[in-house]
Amino acid sequence: MTKEAMLTMDGVVQEILPSTQFRVELTNGATVLAYAGGKVRKRRIRIAAGDKVQLEISPYDLTRGRISYRHRDERAPVAAARPRRFTYRKR
């Protein structure tokens, strides 16, 4: 296994902690302390308790991980009531 090889696992966010850290329960039942990865933080993707996420875990420390993806909800998208109108200014 190379140094760059990361374990990819799915889990559910159980608790939101200070300093953008999360307690995540993996599908195998283990609990991991995770933080939001670079692209998730850069794009300001909000992570709430109960969200399904994908983690990258180092093989050297299996108790910490990085959230690399938040799965979308299975809910249907909300349709807009009316089309958006733009206001035009006179110059």
Protein backbone atom coordinates (compact mmCIF):
# COMPACT_ATOMS: atom_id res chain seq x y z
CA MET A 1 0.00 0.00 0.00
CA THR A 2 1.43 3.36 -0.99
CA LYS A 3 1.58 6.39 1.24
CA GLU A 4 -1.11 8.17 -0.77
CA ALA A 5 -3.57 5.26 -0.67
CA MET A 6 -6.60 6.29 1.40
CA LEU A 7 -9.45 4.08 2.53
CA THR A 8 -12.82 5.30 1.24
CA MET A 9 -15.85 4.55 3.42
CA ASP A 10 -19.42 5.75 3.77
CA GLY A 11 -21.00 6.92 7.00
CA VAL A 12 -23.66 9.04 8.68
CA VAL A 13 -22.93 12.23 10.63
CA GLN A 14 -23.95 11.69 14.26
CA GLU A 15 -22.78 14.91 15.92
CA ILE A 16 -21.47 18.32 14.89
CA LEU A 17 -18.51 19.49 16.95
CA PRO A 18 -16.78 22.90 17.13
CA SER A 19 -14.06 23.87 14.68
CA THR A 20 -15.79 22.22 11.66
CA GLN A 21 -15.34 18.70 13.01
CA PHE A 22 -17.92 15.93 12.95
CA ARG A 23 -18.46 12.59 14.68
CA VAL A 24 -19.34 10.08 11.96
CA GLU A 25 -20.58 6.51 12.34
CA LEU A 26 -19.34 4.28 9.53
CA THR A 27 -21.36 1.53 7.88
CA ASN A 28 -19.36 -1.10 9.80
CA GLY A 29 -20.35 0.47 13.15
CA ALA A 30 -17.07 2.22 13.99
CA THR A 31 -17.06 5.88 15.06
CA VAL A 32 -14.61 8.33 13.47
CA LEU A 33 -13.74 11.97 14.14
CA ALA A 34 -13.78 13.73 10.76
CA TYR A 35 -13.28 17.20 9.30
CA ALA A 36 -14.56 18.79 6.10
CA GLY A 37 -12.11 18.38 3.23
CA GLY A 38 -10.77 21.18 1.04
CA LYS A 39 -13.34 21.18 -1.78
CA VAL A 40 -16.24 20.72 0.66
CA ARG A 41 -15.01 23.69 2.69
CA LYS A 42 -14.18 25.78 -0.40
CA ARG A 43 -17.64 25.32 -1.90
CA ARG A 44 -19.26 25.93 1.51
CA ILE A 45 -21.24 22.70 1.46
CA ARG A 46 -23.24 22.52 4.66
CA ILE A 47 -23.15 19.28 6.59
CA ALA A 48 -25.85 18.56 9.16
CA ALA A 49 -26.46 15.71 11.57
CA GLY A 50 -28.01 12.74 9.76
CA ASP A 51 -26.33 13.46 6.40
CA LYS A 52 -24.75 10.57 4.52
CA VAL A 53 -21.12 11.35 3.72
CA GLN A 54 -18.12 9.73 2.07
CA LEU A 55 -14.89 9.69 4.09
CA GLU A 56 -11.24 9.24 3.25
CA ILE A 57 -9.36 7.56 6.09
CA SER A 58 -5.61 7.10 6.38
CA PRO A 59 -4.53 3.50 6.98
CA TYR A 60 -2.15 4.78 9.68
CA ASP A 61 -4.84 6.37 11.90
CA LEU A 62 -8.26 4.75 11.60
CA THR A 63 -9.88 7.05 14.18
CA ARG A 64 -9.72 10.23 12.07
CA GLY A 65 -10.94 11.01 8.58
CA ARG A 66 -11.69 13.67 5.98
CA ILE A 67 -15.17 14.22 4.53
CA SER A 68 -14.79 14.30 0.76
CA TYR A 69 -18.44 14.16 -0.38
CA ARG A 70 -21.92 14.72 1.04
CA HIS A 71 -24.58 12.59 -0.61
CA ARG A 72 -27.65 14.40 -1.86
CA ASP A 73 -31.05 13.87 -0.27
CA GLU A 74 -33.46 11.52 -1.98
CA ARG A 75 -36.22 14.13 -1.78
CA ALA A 76 -37.78 15.43 -5.00
CA PRO A 77 -36.65 18.91 -6.07
CA VAL A 78 -39.04 21.75 -5.27
CA ALA A 79 -40.59 23.30 -8.38
CA ALA A 80 -40.55 27.07 -8.66
CA ALA A 81 -43.95 28.73 -8.30
CA ARG A 82 -43.30 31.29 -11.03
CA PRO A 83 -40.38 32.25 -13.23
CA ARG A 84 -37.99 34.80 -11.82
CA ARG A 85 -38.24 38.29 -13.26
CA PHE A 86 -35.24 40.53 -13.47
CA THR A 87 -35.50 44.25 -12.91
CA TYR A 88 -33.93 46.55 -15.43
CA ARG A 89 -32.55 49.96 -14.61
CA LYS A 90 -32.63 52.98 -16.85
CA ARG A 91 -29.24 54.37 -17.65
